[in-house]
Amino acid sequence: MRSPTLLWLDVAVVFGFVALGRRTHEEAETLSGLLRTAAPFMLALAVAWVAVRAWRRPAALRTGVGVLAVTVMVGMVLRRTVFGEGTAATFIVVATAFLALGFLGWRLVAGVSARRRAPST
């Protein structure tokens, strides 16, 4: 798959995290609310893709680990300093766990799938 397509998988993970979190906390399900909540993490995801040069090997597990680390760290800093939202320890743990499952999960599935499709030698 091409890098832009795989970037959309990471974007979907972030929006899934935000949508589930907003629903869990019974926040209004509006597009503007979703975008406002997602903004620090979407900006952080963009920084992450550039920082780890994710387009080179977007489906690699090592890339996913880098994307996860940068997205969580930068996202939390932006959420707190720029967007004025909370970053309680439990929120950081839940966000990290969800994003890890998503970012690493699809990469693990892609890796297994690629190995199964590879011709036997």
C-alpha atoms as a PDB file:
ATOM      1  CA  MET A   1       0.000   0.000   0.000  1.00  0.00           C
ATOM      2  CA  ARG A   2       1.042   3.573  -0.575  1.00  0.00           C
ATOM      3  CA  SER A   3       2.044   5.895   2.281  1.00  0.00           C
ATOM      4  CA  PRO A   4      -0.936   8.293   1.975  1.00  0.00           C
ATOM      5  CA  THR A   5      -3.342   5.381   2.319  1.00  0.00           C
ATOM      6  CA  LEU A   6      -1.531   4.152   5.413  1.00  0.00           C
ATOM      7  CA  LEU A   7      -1.451   7.644   6.907  1.00  0.00           C
ATOM      8  CA  TRP A   8      -5.256   7.543   6.780  1.00  0.00           C
ATOM      9  CA  LEU A   9      -5.195   4.447   8.981  1.00  0.00           C
ATOM     10  CA  ASP A  10      -3.357   6.439  11.674  1.00  0.00           C
ATOM     11  CA  VAL A  11      -5.802   9.321  11.207  1.00  0.00           C
ATOM     12  CA  ALA A  12      -8.692   6.871  11.669  1.00  0.00           C
ATOM     13  CA  VAL A  13      -7.124   5.590  14.893  1.00  0.00           C
ATOM     14  CA  VAL A  14      -6.920   9.129  16.305  1.00  0.00           C
ATOM     15  CA  PHE A  15     -10.503   9.946  15.329  1.00  0.00           C
ATOM     16  CA  GLY A  16     -11.682   6.623  16.728  1.00  0.00           C
ATOM     17  CA  PHE A  17      -9.974   7.409  20.029  1.00  0.00           C
ATOM     18  CA  VAL A  18     -11.518  10.871  20.170  1.00  0.00           C
ATOM     19  CA  ALA A  19     -15.008   9.746  19.156  1.00  0.00           C
ATOM     20  CA  LEU A  20     -15.039   6.911  21.689  1.00  0.00           C
ATOM     21  CA  GLY A  21     -13.720   9.183  24.417  1.00  0.00           C
ATOM     22  CA  ARG A  22     -16.304  11.868  23.741  1.00  0.00           C
ATOM     23  CA  ARG A  23     -19.075   9.287  23.707  1.00  0.00           C
ATOM     24  CA  THR A  24     -17.829   7.672  26.937  1.00  0.00           C
ATOM     25  CA  HIS A  25     -17.857  11.058  28.662  1.00  0.00           C
ATOM     26  CA  GLU A  26     -21.260  11.874  27.174  1.00  0.00           C
ATOM     27  CA  GLU A  27     -20.036  14.965  25.380  1.00  0.00           C
ATOM     28  CA  ALA A  28     -22.102  16.383  22.561  1.00  0.00           C
ATOM     29  CA  GLU A  29     -21.558  14.523  19.321  1.00  0.00           C
ATOM     30  CA  THR A  30     -20.910  17.469  17.044  1.00  0.00           C
ATOM     31  CA  LEU A  31     -18.402  17.730  14.238  1.00  0.00           C
ATOM     32  CA  SER A  32     -16.890  20.867  15.760  1.00  0.00           C
ATOM     33  CA  GLY A  33     -16.510  19.136  19.135  1.00  0.00           C
ATOM     34  CA  LEU A  34     -14.876  16.132  17.526  1.00  0.00           C
ATOM     35  CA  LEU A  35     -12.473  18.313  15.551  1.00  0.00           C
ATOM     36  CA  ARG A  36     -11.633  20.482  18.572  1.00  0.00           C
ATOM     37  CA  THR A  37     -10.836  17.432  20.689  1.00  0.00           C
ATOM     38  CA  ALA A  38      -8.878  15.728  17.900  1.00  0.00           C
ATOM     39  CA  ALA A  39      -6.846  18.812  16.923  1.00  0.00           C
ATOM     40  CA  PRO A  40      -3.879  18.407  19.313  1.00  0.00           C
ATOM     41  CA  PHE A  41      -3.511  14.744  18.409  1.00  0.00           C
ATOM     42  CA  MET A  42      -3.903  15.328  14.679  1.00  0.00           C
ATOM     43  CA  LEU A  43      -1.232  18.029  14.793  1.00  0.00           C
ATOM     44  CA  ALA A  44       0.960  15.687  16.837  1.00  0.00           C
ATOM     45  CA  LEU A  45       0.372  12.882  14.330  1.00  0.00           C
ATOM     46  CA  ALA A  46       1.576  15.156  11.519  1.00  0.00           C
ATOM     47  CA  VAL A  47       4.684  16.013  13.553  1.00  0.00           C
ATOM     48  CA  ALA A  48       5.207  12.305  14.245  1.00  0.00           C
ATOM     49  CA  TRP A  49       5.038  11.293  10.584  1.00  0.00           C
ATOM     50  CA  VAL A  50       7.638  13.931   9.738  1.00  0.00           C
ATOM     51  CA  ALA A  51       9.845  13.232  12.768  1.00  0.00           C
ATOM     52  CA  VAL A  52      10.097   9.489  12.109  1.00  0.00           C
ATOM     53  CA  ARG A  53       9.868   9.805   8.299  1.00  0.00           C
ATOM     54  CA  ALA A  54       6.962   7.417   8.401  1.00  0.00           C
ATOM     55  CA  TRP A  55       6.398   7.605   4.648  1.00  0.00           C
ATOM     56  CA  ARG A  56       9.591   5.553   4.112  1.00  0.00           C
ATOM     57  CA  ARG A  57       8.272   2.428   5.862  1.00  0.00           C
ATOM     58  CA  PRO A  58       4.752   3.318   7.036  1.00  0.00           C
ATOM     59  CA  ALA A  59       3.697  -0.249   7.837  1.00  0.00           C
ATOM     60  CA  ALA A  60       6.825  -1.132   9.847  1.00  0.00           C
ATOM     61  CA  LEU A  61       6.254  -1.822  13.522  1.00  0.00           C
ATOM     62  CA  ARG A  62       9.289   0.323  14.401  1.00  0.00           C
ATOM     63  CA  THR A  63       7.635   3.222  12.561  1.00  0.00           C
ATOM     64  CA  GLY A  64       4.461   2.654  14.580  1.00  0.00           C
ATOM     65  CA  VAL A  65       6.389   2.816  17.849  1.00  0.00           C
ATOM     66  CA  GLY A  66       7.917   6.146  16.821  1.00  0.00           C
ATOM     67  CA  VAL A  67       4.583   7.515  15.629  1.00  0.00           C
ATOM     68  CA  LEU A  68       2.992   6.445  18.911  1.00  0.00           C
ATOM     69  CA  ALA A  69       5.666   8.028  21.109  1.00  0.00           C
ATOM     70  CA  VAL A  70       5.713  11.359  19.268  1.00  0.00           C
ATOM     71  CA  THR A  71       1.936  11.547  18.913  1.00  0.00           C
ATOM     72  CA  VAL A  72       1.321  10.952  22.615  1.00  0.00           C
ATOM     73  CA  MET A  73       4.059  13.286  23.859  1.00  0.00           C
ATOM     74  CA  VAL A  74       3.406  16.161  21.458  1.00  0.00           C
ATOM     75  CA  GLY A  75      -0.361  15.661  21.640  1.00  0.00           C
ATOM     76  CA  MET A  76      -0.392  15.927  25.427  1.00  0.00           C
ATOM     77  CA  VAL A  77       1.821  19.013  25.407  1.00  0.00           C
ATOM     78  CA  LEU A  78      -0.383  20.694  22.801  1.00  0.00           C
ATOM     79  CA  ARG A  79      -3.563  19.652  24.592  1.00  0.00           C
ATOM     80  CA  ARG A  80      -2.319  21.221  27.822  1.00  0.00           C
ATOM     81  CA  THR A  81      -0.467  24.326  26.618  1.00  0.00           C
ATOM     82  CA  VAL A  82      -2.214  25.379  23.415  1.00  0.00           C
ATOM     83  CA  PHE A  83      -5.730  23.974  23.808  1.00  0.00           C
ATOM     84  CA  GLY A  84      -6.040  24.430  27.581  1.00  0.00           C
ATOM     85  CA  GLU A  85      -7.399  20.932  28.204  1.00  0.00           C
ATOM     86  CA  GLY A  86      -6.539  18.443  30.914  1.00  0.00           C
ATOM     87  CA  THR A  87      -3.839  15.811  30.850  1.00  0.00           C
ATOM     88  CA  ALA A  88      -4.559  13.753  33.968  1.00  0.00           C
ATOM     89  CA  ALA A  89      -2.373  10.692  34.432  1.00  0.00           C
ATOM     90  CA  THR A  90      -5.282   8.348  33.772  1.00  0.00           C
ATOM     91  CA  PHE A  91      -6.054  10.161  30.524  1.00  0.00           C
ATOM     92  CA  ILE A  92      -2.438   9.791  29.413  1.00  0.00           C
ATOM     93  CA  VAL A  93      -2.509   6.056  30.206  1.00  0.00           C
ATOM     94  CA  VAL A  94      -5.808   5.482  28.385  1.00  0.00           C
ATOM     95  CA  ALA A  95      -4.737   7.571  25.384  1.00  0.00           C
ATOM     96  CA  THR A  96      -1.410   5.762  25.142  1.00  0.00           C
ATOM     97  CA  ALA A  97      -3.054   2.346  25.404  1.00  0.00           C
ATOM     98  CA  PHE A  98      -5.725   3.103  22.795  1.00  0.00           C
ATOM     99  CA  LEU A  99      -3.318   4.704  20.353  1.00  0.00           C
ATOM    100  CA  ALA A 100      -0.821   1.854  20.848  1.00  0.00           C
ATOM    101  CA  LEU A 101      -3.489  -0.716  20.053  1.00  0.00           C
ATOM    102  CA  GLY A 102      -4.476   1.212  16.945  1.00  0.00           C
ATOM    103  CA  PHE A 103      -1.096   2.357  15.597  1.00  0.00           C
ATOM    104  CA  LEU A 104       0.675  -0.917  16.347  1.00  0.00           C
ATOM    105  CA  GLY A 105      -2.319  -3.155  15.740  1.00  0.00           C
ATOM    106  CA  TRP A 106      -2.861  -2.331  12.088  1.00  0.00           C
ATOM    107  CA  ARG A 107       0.885  -2.547  11.486  1.00  0.00           C
ATOM    108  CA  LEU A 108       1.043  -6.008  13.057  1.00  0.00           C
ATOM    109  CA  VAL A 109      -1.861  -7.161  10.902  1.00  0.00           C
ATOM    110  CA  ALA A 110      -0.195  -5.678   7.811  1.00  0.00           C
ATOM    111  CA  GLY A 111       3.083  -7.436   8.634  1.00  0.00           C
ATOM    112  CA  VAL A 112       1.426 -10.815   9.122  1.00  0.00           C
ATOM    113  CA  SER A 113      -0.571 -10.351   5.942  1.00  0.00           C
ATOM    114  CA  ALA A 114       2.538  -9.418   3.949  1.00  0.00           C
ATOM    115  CA  ARG A 115       4.414 -12.480   5.209  1.00  0.00           C
ATOM    116  CA  ARG A 116       1.515 -14.731   4.237  1.00  0.00           C
ATOM    117  CA  ARG A 117       1.411 -13.268   0.739  1.00  0.00           C
ATOM    118  CA  ALA A 118       5.177 -13.537   0.239  1.00  0.00           C
ATOM    119  CA  PRO A 119       6.168 -16.424  -2.003  1.00  0.00           C
ATOM    120  CA  SER A 120       7.820 -19.349  -0.245  1.00  0.00           C
ATOM    121  CA  THR A 121      11.468 -19.901  -1.022  1.00  0.00           C
END
